[in-house]
Amino acid sequence: MEVIIYCRVSTDKKVQETSLSRQKEELYRLAEKYNFHVVKCIEEQASGYEVEREGIFEMLALFESGQANALLIQDETRLGRGNTKIALYHQLAKQNIPIYTAIHDGKLELSESDSMVLQIVGIVEEYQRKIHNIKIKRGMKKAIEKGYKPIKNLSNNHMSPGRERKDVPIAEIVRLRNNNLTFGEIAKTLNGLGYQISKATIHRRYQEYLLIDSNKLNR
């Protein structure tokens, strides 16, 4: 299993630097015990109540890109506190990322209250997603009835001279991504509109789009 080690302290005091080193040592031992491969060890000094942390966003990006598939932390407070902790639990659960802790010497055991809150959050988000997807689907149907042709949004077909590439509405993918939908949610939305596209294909084409866009900006 490819894993990320995440260590955090709340201040930059000298004693906390020792805590960072201890967390790191304990988690490397945990990784060795379970025969995990450590892709990245992230260390940062920030409040657990603060969600806007560079280390957190680096961690989430590595998970989203598929470079790692599990997280190692000393205990649940290292990931976050209060609402921030619940939000990160939920985000990791959506990506099917298991959490291992040194204090549990294995998988994280959620408290009953945390589990209940996550269930409520999941139910609310599921209904929000359903409503959002229905709105998109209805809007797309109305646009098609008025003459809109999704096929015109296809691009990047020139980039693969070998195997035939699937037709992908990249403009629609970008729009949905900008609306904070995950690649899995985008796949479900487009499949509902008649496109047979996998989550992996959508992720790959979106990365190609970002690369092309970045090259244009650098010219």
N, C-alpha and C. Protein backbone atom coordinates (compact mmCIF):
# COMPACT_ATOMS: atom_id res chain seq x y z
N MET A 1 0.83 -1.19 0.00
CA MET A 1 0.00 0.00 0.00
C MET A 1 0.87 1.24 0.00
N GLU A 2 0.52 2.19 -0.83
CA GLU A 2 1.25 3.46 -0.91
C GLU A 2 0.62 4.43 0.09
N VAL A 3 1.42 4.96 1.02
CA VAL A 3 0.85 5.77 2.09
C VAL A 3 1.52 7.13 2.22
N ILE A 4 0.79 8.04 2.87
CA ILE A 4 1.33 9.35 3.23
C ILE A 4 1.37 9.43 4.74
N ILE A 5 2.48 9.91 5.26
CA ILE A 5 2.60 10.20 6.69
C ILE A 5 2.33 11.68 6.88
N TYR A 6 1.43 12.00 7.82
CA TYR A 6 1.14 13.41 8.10
C TYR A 6 1.40 13.69 9.57
N CYS A 7 2.30 14.65 9.84
CA CYS A 7 2.65 15.05 11.20
C CYS A 7 2.33 16.54 11.37
N ARG A 8 1.76 16.89 12.52
CA ARG A 8 1.42 18.30 12.75
C ARG A 8 1.60 18.66 14.21
N VAL A 9 2.11 19.89 14.43
CA VAL A 9 2.11 20.51 15.75
C VAL A 9 1.50 21.90 15.59
N SER A 10 1.03 22.47 16.68
CA SER A 10 0.29 23.73 16.58
C SER A 10 1.17 24.97 16.68
N THR A 11 2.38 24.85 17.22
CA THR A 11 3.26 26.02 17.36
C THR A 11 4.66 25.69 16.87
N ASP A 12 5.51 26.71 16.88
CA ASP A 12 6.89 26.52 16.42
C ASP A 12 7.88 26.48 17.59
N LYS A 13 7.37 26.18 18.80
CA LYS A 13 8.24 26.09 19.95
C LYS A 13 9.18 24.90 19.82
N LYS A 14 10.33 25.00 20.48
CA LYS A 14 11.36 23.96 20.38
C LYS A 14 10.83 22.60 20.81
N VAL A 15 10.02 22.60 21.86
CA VAL A 15 9.49 21.33 22.36
C VAL A 15 8.59 20.67 21.32
N GLN A 16 7.92 21.48 20.51
CA GLN A 16 7.04 20.94 19.48
C GLN A 16 7.84 20.34 18.33
N GLU A 17 9.03 20.86 18.09
CA GLU A 17 9.89 20.27 17.06
C GLU A 17 10.23 18.83 17.45
N THR A 18 10.43 18.60 18.75
CA THR A 18 10.69 17.25 19.24
C THR A 18 9.47 16.37 19.01
N SER A 19 8.27 16.96 19.19
CA SER A 19 7.03 16.21 18.97
C SER A 19 6.90 15.80 17.51
N LEU A 20 7.27 16.67 16.59
CA LEU A 20 7.23 16.34 15.17
C LEU A 20 8.13 15.15 14.87
N SER A 21 9.34 15.18 15.43
CA SER A 21 10.29 14.09 15.19
C SER A 21 9.75 12.78 15.76
N ARG A 22 9.13 12.86 16.93
CA ARG A 22 8.58 11.65 17.55
C ARG A 22 7.43 11.08 16.72
N GLN A 23 6.55 11.96 16.25
CA GLN A 23 5.44 11.52 15.40
C GLN A 23 5.98 10.80 14.17
N LYS A 24 6.96 11.43 13.55
CA LYS A 24 7.54 10.89 12.32
C LYS A 24 8.14 9.50 12.57
N GLU A 25 8.89 9.35 13.65
CA GLU A 25 9.52 8.06 13.97
C GLU A 25 8.47 6.98 14.21
N GLU A 26 7.44 7.33 15.00
CA GLU A 26 6.38 6.35 15.31
C GLU A 26 5.64 5.90 14.05
N LEU A 27 5.41 6.83 13.15
CA LEU A 27 4.64 6.50 11.95
C LEU A 27 5.47 5.71 10.94
N TYR A 28 6.76 5.98 10.87
CA TYR A 28 7.61 5.16 10.01
C TYR A 28 7.67 3.72 10.55
N ARG A 29 7.66 3.58 11.88
CA ARG A 29 7.64 2.23 12.44
C ARG A 29 6.32 1.53 12.13
N LEU A 30 5.23 2.30 12.19
CA LEU A 30 3.92 1.74 11.86
C LEU A 30 3.88 1.29 10.39
N ALA A 31 4.45 2.12 9.51
CA ALA A 31 4.49 1.78 8.09
C ALA A 31 5.30 0.51 7.87
N GLU A 32 6.41 0.39 8.57
CA GLU A 32 7.27 -0.79 8.44
C GLU A 32 6.54 -2.03 8.94
N LYS A 33 5.79 -1.89 10.04
CA LYS A 33 5.06 -3.02 10.62
C LYS A 33 4.06 -3.60 9.63
N TYR A 34 3.36 -2.71 8.89
CA TYR A 34 2.34 -3.15 7.95
C TYR A 34 2.87 -3.29 6.52
N ASN A 35 4.19 -3.12 6.36
CA ASN A 35 4.82 -3.24 5.05
C ASN A 35 4.27 -2.23 4.05
N PHE A 36 4.01 -1.01 4.54
CA PHE A 36 3.55 0.08 3.68
C PHE A 36 4.74 0.79 3.06
N HIS A 37 4.53 1.33 1.86
CA HIS A 37 5.56 2.15 1.24
C HIS A 37 5.19 3.62 1.43
N VAL A 38 6.08 4.38 2.06
CA VAL A 38 5.81 5.80 2.33
C VAL A 38 6.14 6.63 1.10
N VAL A 39 5.11 7.21 0.49
CA VAL A 39 5.28 8.05 -0.69
C VAL A 39 5.78 9.44 -0.30
N LYS A 40 5.24 9.94 0.82
CA LYS A 40 5.57 11.30 1.24
C LYS A 40 5.36 11.43 2.73
N CYS A 41 6.26 12.14 3.40
CA CYS A 41 6.09 12.49 4.81
C CYS A 41 5.89 13.99 4.88
N ILE A 42 4.71 14.41 5.31
CA ILE A 42 4.36 15.83 5.37
C ILE A 42 4.41 16.29 6.82
N GLU A 43 5.16 17.33 7.08
CA GLU A 43 5.25 17.90 8.43
C GLU A 43 4.86 19.38 8.36
N GLU A 44 4.05 19.82 9.31
CA GLU A 44 3.73 21.24 9.34
C GLU A 44 3.35 21.71 10.74
N GLN A 45 3.51 23.02 10.93
CA GLN A 45 3.17 23.66 12.19
C GLN A 45 1.98 24.58 11.92
N ALA A 46 0.81 24.17 12.39
CA ALA A 46 -0.42 24.92 12.15
C ALA A 46 -1.49 24.47 13.12
N SER A 47 -2.48 25.31 13.30
CA SER A 47 -3.59 24.98 14.19
C SER A 47 -4.45 23.87 13.59
N GLY A 48 -4.89 22.96 14.43
CA GLY A 48 -5.76 21.88 13.96
C GLY A 48 -7.14 22.36 13.58
N TYR A 49 -7.51 23.56 14.03
CA TYR A 49 -8.82 24.13 13.68
C TYR A 49 -8.80 24.80 12.31
N GLU A 50 -7.59 25.02 11.78
CA GLU A 50 -7.43 25.69 10.50
C GLU A 50 -7.45 24.68 9.36
N VAL A 51 -8.38 24.84 8.41
CA VAL A 51 -8.48 23.89 7.29
C VAL A 51 -7.53 24.28 6.15
N GLU A 52 -7.20 25.57 6.06
CA GLU A 52 -6.33 26.03 4.97
C GLU A 52 -4.87 25.86 5.36
N ARG A 53 -4.41 24.60 5.21
CA ARG A 53 -3.02 24.26 5.51
C ARG A 53 -2.37 23.69 4.25
N GLU A 54 -1.17 24.13 3.97
CA GLU A 54 -0.47 23.68 2.76
C GLU A 54 -0.29 22.16 2.78
N GLY A 55 0.05 21.63 3.94
CA GLY A 55 0.28 20.19 4.04
C GLY A 55 -0.98 19.38 3.75
N ILE A 56 -2.12 19.87 4.22
CA ILE A 56 -3.39 19.18 3.98
C ILE A 56 -3.71 19.16 2.49
N PHE A 57 -3.55 20.29 1.82
CA PHE A 57 -3.87 20.34 0.39
C PHE A 57 -2.87 19.53 -0.43
N GLU A 58 -1.63 19.47 0.00
CA GLU A 58 -0.65 18.61 -0.68
C GLU A 58 -1.05 17.15 -0.52
N MET A 59 -1.46 16.79 0.68
CA MET A 59 -1.90 15.42 0.97
C MET A 59 -3.10 15.03 0.11
N LEU A 60 -4.12 15.89 0.07
CA LEU A 60 -5.33 15.61 -0.69
C LEU A 60 -5.03 15.50 -2.19
N ALA A 61 -4.11 16.32 -2.68
CA ALA A 61 -3.74 16.27 -4.09
C ALA A 61 -3.08 14.94 -4.44
N LEU A 62 -2.24 14.44 -3.55
CA LEU A 62 -1.58 13.15 -3.78
C LEU A 62 -2.59 12.01 -3.80
N PHE A 63 -3.58 12.08 -2.92
CA PHE A 63 -4.62 11.05 -2.92
C PHE A 63 -5.47 11.14 -4.19
N GLU A 64 -5.83 12.36 -4.57
CA GLU A 64 -6.70 12.53 -5.73
C GLU A 64 -6.02 12.08 -7.02
N SER A 65 -4.72 12.26 -7.10
CA SER A 65 -3.99 11.86 -8.30
C SER A 65 -3.67 10.36 -8.31
N GLY A 66 -3.98 9.67 -7.21
CA GLY A 66 -3.76 8.23 -7.15
C GLY A 66 -2.35 7.83 -6.77
N GLN A 67 -1.53 8.78 -6.31
CA GLN A 67 -0.16 8.46 -5.94
C GLN A 67 -0.05 7.77 -4.58
N ALA A 68 -1.11 7.87 -3.78
CA ALA A 68 -1.13 7.20 -2.48
C ALA A 68 -2.56 6.78 -2.18
N ASN A 69 -2.73 5.77 -1.32
CA ASN A 69 -4.08 5.28 -1.04
C ASN A 69 -4.34 4.99 0.43
N ALA A 70 -3.53 5.56 1.34
CA ALA A 70 -3.80 5.45 2.77
C ALA A 70 -3.05 6.56 3.50
N LEU A 71 -3.54 6.91 4.69
CA LEU A 71 -2.95 7.99 5.49
C LEU A 71 -2.53 7.45 6.85
N LEU A 72 -1.34 7.88 7.30
CA LEU A 72 -0.83 7.52 8.61
C LEU A 72 -0.68 8.78 9.46
N ILE A 73 -1.33 8.81 10.64
CA ILE A 73 -1.21 9.93 11.57
C ILE A 73 -0.99 9.39 12.98
N GLN A 74 -0.46 10.22 13.85
CA GLN A 74 -0.24 9.75 15.23
C GLN A 74 -1.55 9.51 15.95
N ASP A 75 -2.47 10.47 15.88
CA ASP A 75 -3.80 10.32 16.45
C ASP A 75 -4.72 11.28 15.71
N GLU A 76 -6.03 11.20 15.98
CA GLU A 76 -6.99 11.97 15.21
C GLU A 76 -6.81 13.47 15.34
N THR A 77 -6.25 13.95 16.44
CA THR A 77 -6.07 15.39 16.62
C THR A 77 -4.99 15.95 15.71
N ARG A 78 -4.08 15.10 15.25
CA ARG A 78 -3.04 15.58 14.34
C ARG A 78 -3.64 15.97 12.99
N LEU A 79 -4.69 15.26 12.59
CA LEU A 79 -5.35 15.59 11.32
C LEU A 79 -6.10 16.89 11.44
N GLY A 80 -6.81 17.07 12.56
CA GLY A 80 -7.55 18.31 12.76
C GLY A 80 -8.38 18.25 14.03
N ARG A 81 -9.01 19.36 14.32
CA ARG A 81 -9.87 19.45 15.50
C ARG A 81 -11.21 20.06 15.11
N GLY A 82 -12.24 19.74 15.89
CA GLY A 82 -13.56 20.33 15.67
C GLY A 82 -14.12 20.02 14.30
N ASN A 83 -14.73 21.03 13.69
CA ASN A 83 -15.36 20.85 12.38
C ASN A 83 -14.35 20.52 11.29
N THR A 84 -13.14 21.01 11.44
CA THR A 84 -12.09 20.72 10.45
C THR A 84 -11.81 19.23 10.40
N LYS A 85 -11.75 18.61 11.57
CA LYS A 85 -11.50 17.16 11.62
C LYS A 85 -12.60 16.39 10.91
N ILE A 86 -13.85 16.75 11.18
CA ILE A 86 -14.99 16.07 10.56
C ILE A 86 -14.97 16.27 9.04
N ALA A 87 -14.67 17.49 8.60
CA ALA A 87 -14.62 17.78 7.16
C ALA A 87 -13.55 16.94 6.47
N LEU A 88 -12.40 16.78 7.12
CA LEU A 88 -11.32 15.99 6.52
C LEU A 88 -11.63 14.49 6.57
N TYR A 89 -12.25 14.03 7.64
CA TYR A 89 -12.72 12.64 7.69
C TYR A 89 -13.62 12.36 6.48
N HIS A 90 -14.56 13.28 6.28
CA HIS A 90 -15.54 13.10 5.20
C HIS A 90 -14.86 13.11 3.83
N GLN A 91 -13.93 14.04 3.63
CA GLN A 91 -13.24 14.13 2.35
C GLN A 91 -12.44 12.87 2.06
N LEU A 92 -11.77 12.34 3.05
CA LEU A 92 -10.97 11.12 2.88
C LEU A 92 -11.87 9.91 2.65
N ALA A 93 -13.01 9.87 3.35
CA ALA A 93 -13.94 8.76 3.17
C ALA A 93 -14.50 8.75 1.75
N LYS A 94 -14.74 9.93 1.18
CA LYS A 94 -15.24 10.03 -0.19
C LYS A 94 -14.24 9.45 -1.18
N GLN A 95 -12.97 9.56 -0.86
CA GLN A 95 -11.92 9.04 -1.74
C GLN A 95 -11.51 7.62 -1.36
N ASN A 96 -12.23 7.03 -0.39
CA ASN A 96 -11.92 5.66 0.08
C ASN A 96 -10.49 5.54 0.60
N ILE A 97 -10.06 6.54 1.35
CA ILE A 97 -8.71 6.54 1.92
C ILE A 97 -8.78 6.09 3.38
N PRO A 98 -8.25 4.92 3.72
CA PRO A 98 -8.23 4.48 5.11
C PRO A 98 -7.20 5.27 5.92
N ILE A 99 -7.48 5.44 7.21
CA ILE A 99 -6.59 6.17 8.10
C ILE A 99 -6.03 5.21 9.15
N TYR A 100 -4.71 5.18 9.28
CA TYR A 100 -4.05 4.37 10.30
C TYR A 100 -3.41 5.31 11.31
N THR A 101 -3.50 4.95 12.60
CA THR A 101 -2.92 5.80 13.63
C THR A 101 -1.94 5.01 14.49
N ALA A 102 -0.94 5.73 14.99
CA ALA A 102 0.04 5.10 15.87
C ALA A 102 -0.61 4.75 17.20
N ILE A 103 -1.53 5.60 17.66
CA ILE A 103 -2.15 5.37 18.97
C ILE A 103 -3.05 4.13 18.97
N HIS A 104 -3.65 3.81 17.81
CA HIS A 104 -4.46 2.60 17.70
C HIS A 104 -3.65 1.41 17.18
N ASP A 105 -2.42 1.70 16.75
CA ASP A 105 -1.54 0.68 16.18
C ASP A 105 -2.24 -0.04 15.02
N GLY A 106 -3.01 0.73 14.26
CA GLY A 106 -3.74 0.17 13.14
C GLY A 106 -4.75 1.18 12.63
N LYS A 107 -5.86 0.69 12.09
CA LYS A 107 -6.88 1.59 11.54
C LYS A 107 -7.52 2.45 12.62
N LEU A 108 -7.82 3.69 12.24
CA LEU A 108 -8.48 4.63 13.14
C LEU A 108 -9.85 4.12 13.55
N GLU A 109 -10.14 4.20 14.84
CA GLU A 109 -11.45 3.83 15.37
C GLU A 109 -12.21 5.10 15.69
N LEU A 110 -13.23 5.42 14.89
CA LEU A 110 -14.00 6.64 15.09
C LEU A 110 -14.87 6.52 16.34
N SER A 111 -15.04 7.66 17.02
CA SER A 111 -15.95 7.67 18.16
C SER A 111 -17.38 7.58 17.66
N GLU A 112 -18.29 7.22 18.54
CA GLU A 112 -19.69 7.10 18.15
C GLU A 112 -20.26 8.42 17.66
N SER A 113 -19.87 9.51 18.32
CA SER A 113 -20.37 10.83 17.92
C SER A 113 -19.84 11.25 16.56
N ASP A 114 -18.56 10.99 16.31
CA ASP A 114 -17.98 11.33 15.01
C ASP A 114 -18.64 10.52 13.89
N SER A 115 -18.88 9.24 14.15
CA SER A 115 -19.53 8.38 13.15
C SER A 115 -20.93 8.89 12.83
N MET A 116 -21.65 9.32 13.86
CA MET A 116 -23.01 9.80 13.65
C MET A 116 -23.00 11.08 12.82
N VAL A 117 -22.10 12.00 13.14
CA VAL A 117 -22.01 13.25 12.39
C VAL A 117 -21.66 12.98 10.93
N LEU A 118 -20.73 12.06 10.68
CA LEU A 118 -20.34 11.73 9.31
C LEU A 118 -21.49 11.13 8.52
N GLN A 119 -22.31 10.31 9.18
CA GLN A 119 -23.48 9.74 8.52
C GLN A 119 -24.45 10.83 8.10
N ILE A 120 -24.68 11.80 8.99
CA ILE A 120 -25.59 12.91 8.69
C ILE A 120 -25.03 13.75 7.53
N VAL A 121 -23.73 14.05 7.60
CA VAL A 121 -23.10 14.84 6.54
C VAL A 121 -23.21 14.12 5.20
N GLY A 122 -22.98 12.80 5.23
CA GLY A 122 -23.05 12.01 4.00
C GLY A 122 -24.43 12.02 3.38
N ILE A 123 -25.46 11.90 4.22
CA ILE A 123 -26.83 11.91 3.72
C ILE A 123 -27.18 13.26 3.10
N VAL A 124 -26.83 14.33 3.82
CA VAL A 124 -27.11 15.68 3.31
C VAL A 124 -26.39 15.92 1.98
N GLU A 125 -25.12 15.53 1.92
CA GLU A 125 -24.35 15.76 0.69
C GLU A 125 -24.89 14.95 -0.47
N GLU A 126 -25.34 13.72 -0.19
CA GLU A 126 -25.90 12.88 -1.24
C GLU A 126 -27.13 13.53 -1.86
N TYR A 127 -28.01 14.08 -1.02
CA TYR A 127 -29.20 14.74 -1.55
C TYR A 127 -28.85 16.04 -2.27
N GLN A 128 -27.86 16.76 -1.78
CA GLN A 128 -27.41 17.96 -2.49
C GLN A 128 -26.86 17.60 -3.86
N ARG A 129 -26.11 16.49 -3.92
CA ARG A 129 -25.52 16.04 -5.18
C ARG A 129 -26.62 15.62 -6.15
N LYS A 130 -27.63 14.90 -5.64
CA LYS A 130 -28.73 14.48 -6.50
C LYS A 130 -29.45 15.68 -7.09
N ILE A 131 -29.74 16.67 -6.24
CA ILE A 131 -30.41 17.89 -6.71
C ILE A 131 -29.56 18.61 -7.74
N HIS A 132 -28.26 18.71 -7.46
CA HIS A 132 -27.35 19.40 -8.38
C HIS A 132 -27.27 18.69 -9.73
N ASN A 133 -27.15 17.36 -9.69
CA ASN A 133 -27.06 16.58 -10.93
C ASN A 133 -28.35 16.64 -11.74
N ILE A 134 -29.51 16.65 -11.04
CA ILE A 134 -30.79 16.76 -11.73
C ILE A 134 -30.89 18.11 -12.43
N LYS A 135 -30.43 19.16 -11.75
CA LYS A 135 -30.46 20.50 -12.35
C LYS A 135 -29.58 20.56 -13.60
N ILE A 136 -28.40 19.94 -13.51
CA ILE A 136 -27.50 19.91 -14.66
C ILE A 136 -28.13 19.15 -15.82
N LYS A 137 -28.70 17.98 -15.51
CA LYS A 137 -29.31 17.13 -16.54
C LYS A 137 -30.47 17.84 -17.21
N ARG A 138 -31.32 18.51 -16.41
CA ARG A 138 -32.46 19.24 -16.97
C ARG A 138 -31.99 20.41 -17.83
N GLY A 139 -30.94 21.09 -17.35
CA GLY A 139 -30.40 22.21 -18.12
C GLY A 139 -29.80 21.75 -19.44
N MET A 140 -29.11 20.60 -19.42
CA MET A 140 -28.52 20.07 -20.64
C MET A 140 -29.60 19.66 -21.64
N LYS A 141 -30.66 19.02 -21.15
CA LYS A 141 -31.74 18.60 -22.04
C LYS A 141 -32.41 19.80 -22.70
N LYS A 142 -32.63 20.86 -21.91
CA LYS A 142 -33.25 22.06 -22.46
C LYS A 142 -32.35 22.70 -23.51
N ALA A 143 -31.03 22.68 -23.23
CA ALA A 143 -30.08 23.26 -24.18
C ALA A 143 -30.06 22.46 -25.48
N ILE A 144 -30.12 21.13 -25.38
CA ILE A 144 -30.13 20.27 -26.57
C ILE A 144 -31.40 20.51 -27.37
N GLU A 145 -32.53 20.67 -26.67
CA GLU A 145 -33.79 20.94 -27.36
C GLU A 145 -33.74 22.25 -28.13
N LYS A 146 -32.92 23.19 -27.63
CA LYS A 146 -32.80 24.49 -28.29
C LYS A 146 -31.69 24.51 -29.35
N GLY A 147 -31.07 23.33 -29.59
CA GLY A 147 -30.08 23.24 -30.65
C GLY A 147 -28.65 23.09 -30.21
N TYR A 148 -28.39 23.08 -28.89
CA TYR A 148 -27.02 22.92 -28.39
C TYR A 148 -26.51 21.52 -28.73
N LYS A 149 -25.28 21.44 -29.25
CA LYS A 149 -24.68 20.16 -29.64
C LYS A 149 -23.43 19.91 -28.81
N PRO A 150 -23.51 19.01 -27.81
CA PRO A 150 -22.35 18.72 -26.95
C PRO A 150 -21.12 18.27 -27.72
N ILE A 151 -21.32 17.64 -28.88
CA ILE A 151 -20.19 17.12 -29.66
C ILE A 151 -19.23 18.23 -30.06
N LYS A 152 -19.74 19.47 -30.14
CA LYS A 152 -18.88 20.59 -30.54
C LYS A 152 -17.88 20.97 -29.46
N ASN A 153 -18.10 20.48 -28.24
CA ASN A 153 -17.19 20.79 -27.14
C ASN A 153 -16.02 19.83 -27.06
N LEU A 154 -16.00 18.83 -27.93
CA LEU A 154 -14.90 17.87 -27.90
C LEU A 154 -13.62 18.54 -28.37
N SER A 155 -12.52 18.20 -27.71
CA SER A 155 -11.22 18.72 -28.12
C SER A 155 -10.14 17.72 -27.80
N ASN A 156 -8.90 18.03 -28.16
CA ASN A 156 -7.73 17.19 -27.88
C ASN A 156 -7.74 15.89 -28.67
N ASN A 157 -8.61 15.76 -29.69
CA ASN A 157 -8.64 14.51 -30.45
C ASN A 157 -7.37 14.29 -31.27
N HIS A 158 -6.61 15.38 -31.45
CA HIS A 158 -5.40 15.28 -32.28
C HIS A 158 -4.21 14.75 -31.49
N MET A 159 -4.35 14.56 -30.18
CA MET A 159 -3.19 14.27 -29.35
C MET A 159 -2.79 12.80 -29.33
N SER A 160 -3.64 11.90 -29.80
CA SER A 160 -3.31 10.47 -29.77
C SER A 160 -3.45 9.86 -31.16
N PRO A 161 -2.33 9.71 -31.90
CA PRO A 161 -2.40 9.20 -33.26
C PRO A 161 -2.62 7.69 -33.34
N GLY A 162 -2.49 6.97 -32.23
CA GLY A 162 -2.63 5.52 -32.26
C GLY A 162 -4.06 5.09 -32.02
N ARG A 163 -4.29 4.51 -30.84
CA ARG A 163 -5.61 4.02 -30.50
C ARG A 163 -6.64 5.14 -30.56
N GLU A 164 -7.82 4.82 -31.08
CA GLU A 164 -8.88 5.82 -31.18
C GLU A 164 -9.29 6.29 -29.79
N ARG A 165 -9.38 7.60 -29.62
CA ARG A 165 -9.73 8.18 -28.34
C ARG A 165 -11.23 8.35 -28.21
N LYS A 166 -11.73 8.20 -27.01
CA LYS A 166 -13.15 8.38 -26.78
C LYS A 166 -13.53 9.85 -26.94
N ASP A 167 -14.76 10.05 -27.43
CA ASP A 167 -15.27 11.41 -27.51
C ASP A 167 -15.61 11.88 -26.10
N VAL A 168 -14.99 12.98 -25.71
CA VAL A 168 -15.17 13.50 -24.36
C VAL A 168 -15.52 14.98 -24.42
N PRO A 169 -16.63 15.40 -23.79
CA PRO A 169 -16.99 16.82 -23.76
C PRO A 169 -16.14 17.57 -22.73
N ILE A 170 -14.93 17.93 -23.13
CA ILE A 170 -13.98 18.49 -22.17
C ILE A 170 -14.49 19.78 -21.55
N ALA A 171 -15.21 20.60 -22.32
CA ALA A 171 -15.72 21.85 -21.76
C ALA A 171 -16.69 21.58 -20.62
N GLU A 172 -17.50 20.54 -20.78
CA GLU A 172 -18.46 20.18 -19.75
C GLU A 172 -17.75 19.61 -18.52
N ILE A 173 -16.70 18.84 -18.75
CA ILE A 173 -15.91 18.30 -17.65
C ILE A 173 -15.29 19.43 -16.83
N VAL A 174 -14.71 20.40 -17.53
CA VAL A 174 -14.09 21.55 -16.85
C VAL A 174 -15.13 22.32 -16.05
N ARG A 175 -16.31 22.53 -16.65
CA ARG A 175 -17.37 23.28 -15.97
C ARG A 175 -17.82 22.55 -14.69
N LEU A 176 -18.01 21.24 -14.80
CA LEU A 176 -18.44 20.46 -13.64
C LEU A 176 -17.35 20.42 -12.57
N ARG A 177 -16.10 20.33 -13.03
CA ARG A 177 -14.98 20.32 -12.08
C ARG A 177 -14.90 21.65 -11.35
N ASN A 178 -15.15 22.74 -12.06
CA ASN A 178 -15.14 24.06 -11.44
C ASN A 178 -16.28 24.23 -10.45
N ASN A 179 -17.31 23.37 -10.57
CA ASN A 179 -18.42 23.37 -9.62
C ASN A 179 -18.16 22.41 -8.46
N ASN A 180 -16.88 21.98 -8.34
CA ASN A 180 -16.42 21.15 -7.21
C ASN A 180 -16.96 19.72 -7.23
N LEU A 181 -17.36 19.19 -8.39
CA LEU A 181 -17.75 17.79 -8.48
C LEU A 181 -16.49 16.93 -8.55
N THR A 182 -16.52 15.77 -7.94
CA THR A 182 -15.39 14.84 -8.04
C THR A 182 -15.41 14.19 -9.42
N PHE A 183 -14.31 13.51 -9.78
CA PHE A 183 -14.27 12.85 -11.08
C PHE A 183 -15.31 11.73 -11.16
N GLY A 184 -15.55 11.07 -10.02
CA GLY A 184 -16.58 10.03 -10.00
C GLY A 184 -17.97 10.61 -10.24
N GLU A 185 -18.24 11.77 -9.64
CA GLU A 185 -19.54 12.42 -9.82
C GLU A 185 -19.72 12.92 -11.24
N ILE A 186 -18.62 13.42 -11.83
CA ILE A 186 -18.67 13.88 -13.23
C ILE A 186 -18.97 12.70 -14.15
N ALA A 187 -18.34 11.56 -13.87
CA ALA A 187 -18.58 10.36 -14.69
C ALA A 187 -20.05 9.95 -14.64
N LYS A 188 -20.64 9.96 -13.44
CA LYS A 188 -22.05 9.60 -13.30
C LYS A 188 -22.94 10.58 -14.06
N THR A 189 -22.61 11.88 -13.98
CA THR A 189 -23.41 12.90 -14.65
C THR A 189 -23.36 12.72 -16.17
N LEU A 190 -22.16 12.54 -16.72
CA LEU A 190 -22.01 12.40 -18.16
C LEU A 190 -22.59 11.07 -18.65
N ASN A 191 -22.43 10.02 -17.87
CA ASN A 191 -23.02 8.73 -18.26
C ASN A 191 -24.53 8.84 -18.31
N GLY A 192 -25.11 9.65 -17.41
CA GLY A 192 -26.54 9.88 -17.43
C GLY A 192 -27.00 10.62 -18.67
N LEU A 193 -26.06 11.34 -19.29
CA LEU A 193 -26.37 12.09 -20.51
C LEU A 193 -26.04 11.29 -21.78
N GLY A 194 -25.63 10.04 -21.60
CA GLY A 194 -25.38 9.19 -22.75
C GLY A 194 -23.93 8.97 -23.10
N TYR A 195 -23.00 9.59 -22.38
CA TYR A 195 -21.58 9.39 -22.64
C TYR A 195 -21.09 8.20 -21.82
N GLN A 196 -20.47 7.23 -22.45
CA GLN A 196 -19.90 6.08 -21.74
C GLN A 196 -18.44 6.38 -21.44
N ILE A 197 -18.21 7.06 -20.32
CA ILE A 197 -16.87 7.51 -19.96
C ILE A 197 -16.56 7.09 -18.54
N SER A 198 -15.37 6.55 -18.31
CA SER A 198 -14.98 6.13 -16.97
C SER A 198 -14.39 7.30 -16.19
N LYS A 199 -14.35 7.13 -14.89
CA LYS A 199 -13.73 8.13 -14.01
C LYS A 199 -12.27 8.34 -14.38
N ALA A 200 -11.56 7.26 -14.70
CA ALA A 200 -10.14 7.35 -15.05
C ALA A 200 -9.93 8.16 -16.33
N THR A 201 -10.80 7.94 -17.33
CA THR A 201 -10.68 8.68 -18.59
C THR A 201 -10.93 10.16 -18.36
N ILE A 202 -11.93 10.48 -17.55
CA ILE A 202 -12.24 11.88 -17.26
C ILE A 202 -11.06 12.53 -16.55
N HIS A 203 -10.47 11.83 -15.58
CA HIS A 203 -9.33 12.38 -14.86
C HIS A 203 -8.16 12.63 -15.81
N ARG A 204 -7.90 11.66 -16.72
CA ARG A 204 -6.78 11.80 -17.66
C ARG A 204 -6.98 12.98 -18.60
N ARG A 205 -8.19 13.10 -19.15
CA ARG A 205 -8.45 14.20 -20.09
C ARG A 205 -8.41 15.56 -19.39
N TYR A 206 -8.84 15.59 -18.12
CA TYR A 206 -8.80 16.85 -17.38
C TYR A 206 -7.35 17.25 -17.14
N GLN A 207 -6.48 16.28 -16.83
CA GLN A 207 -5.06 16.59 -16.64
C GLN A 207 -4.44 17.08 -17.94
N GLU A 208 -4.84 16.49 -19.07
CA GLU A 208 -4.36 16.95 -20.38
C GLU A 208 -4.79 18.39 -20.63
N TYR A 209 -6.03 18.68 -20.29
CA TYR A 209 -6.55 20.04 -20.44
C TYR A 209 -5.73 21.03 -19.62
N LEU A 210 -5.43 20.69 -18.35
CA LEU A 210 -4.64 21.57 -17.49
C LEU A 210 -3.25 21.79 -18.06
N LEU A 211 -2.66 20.72 -18.63
CA LEU A 211 -1.33 20.82 -19.20
C LEU A 211 -1.33 21.75 -20.41
N ILE A 212 -2.31 21.59 -21.28
CA ILE A 212 -2.41 22.44 -22.46
C ILE A 212 -2.64 23.89 -22.05
N ASP A 213 -3.51 24.08 -21.06
CA ASP A 213 -3.82 25.43 -20.59
C ASP A 213 -2.59 26.08 -19.99
N SER A 214 -1.82 25.28 -19.26
CA SER A 214 -0.60 25.81 -18.64
C SER A 214 0.44 26.19 -19.71
N ASN A 215 0.55 25.36 -20.75
CA ASN A 215 1.49 25.67 -21.84
C ASN A 215 1.13 26.96 -22.54
N LYS A 216 -0.17 27.18 -22.71
CA LYS A 216 -0.61 28.41 -23.36
C LYS A 216 -0.23 29.63 -22.55
N LEU A 217 -0.36 29.53 -21.22
CA LEU A 217 -0.03 30.65 -20.35
C LEU A 217 1.47 30.93 -20.34
N ASN A 218 2.27 29.89 -20.55
CA ASN A 218 3.73 30.06 -20.49
C ASN A 218 4.34 30.53 -21.80
N ARG A 219 3.53 30.61 -22.86
CA ARG A 219 4.07 31.04 -24.15
C ARG A 219 4.30 32.55 -24.17
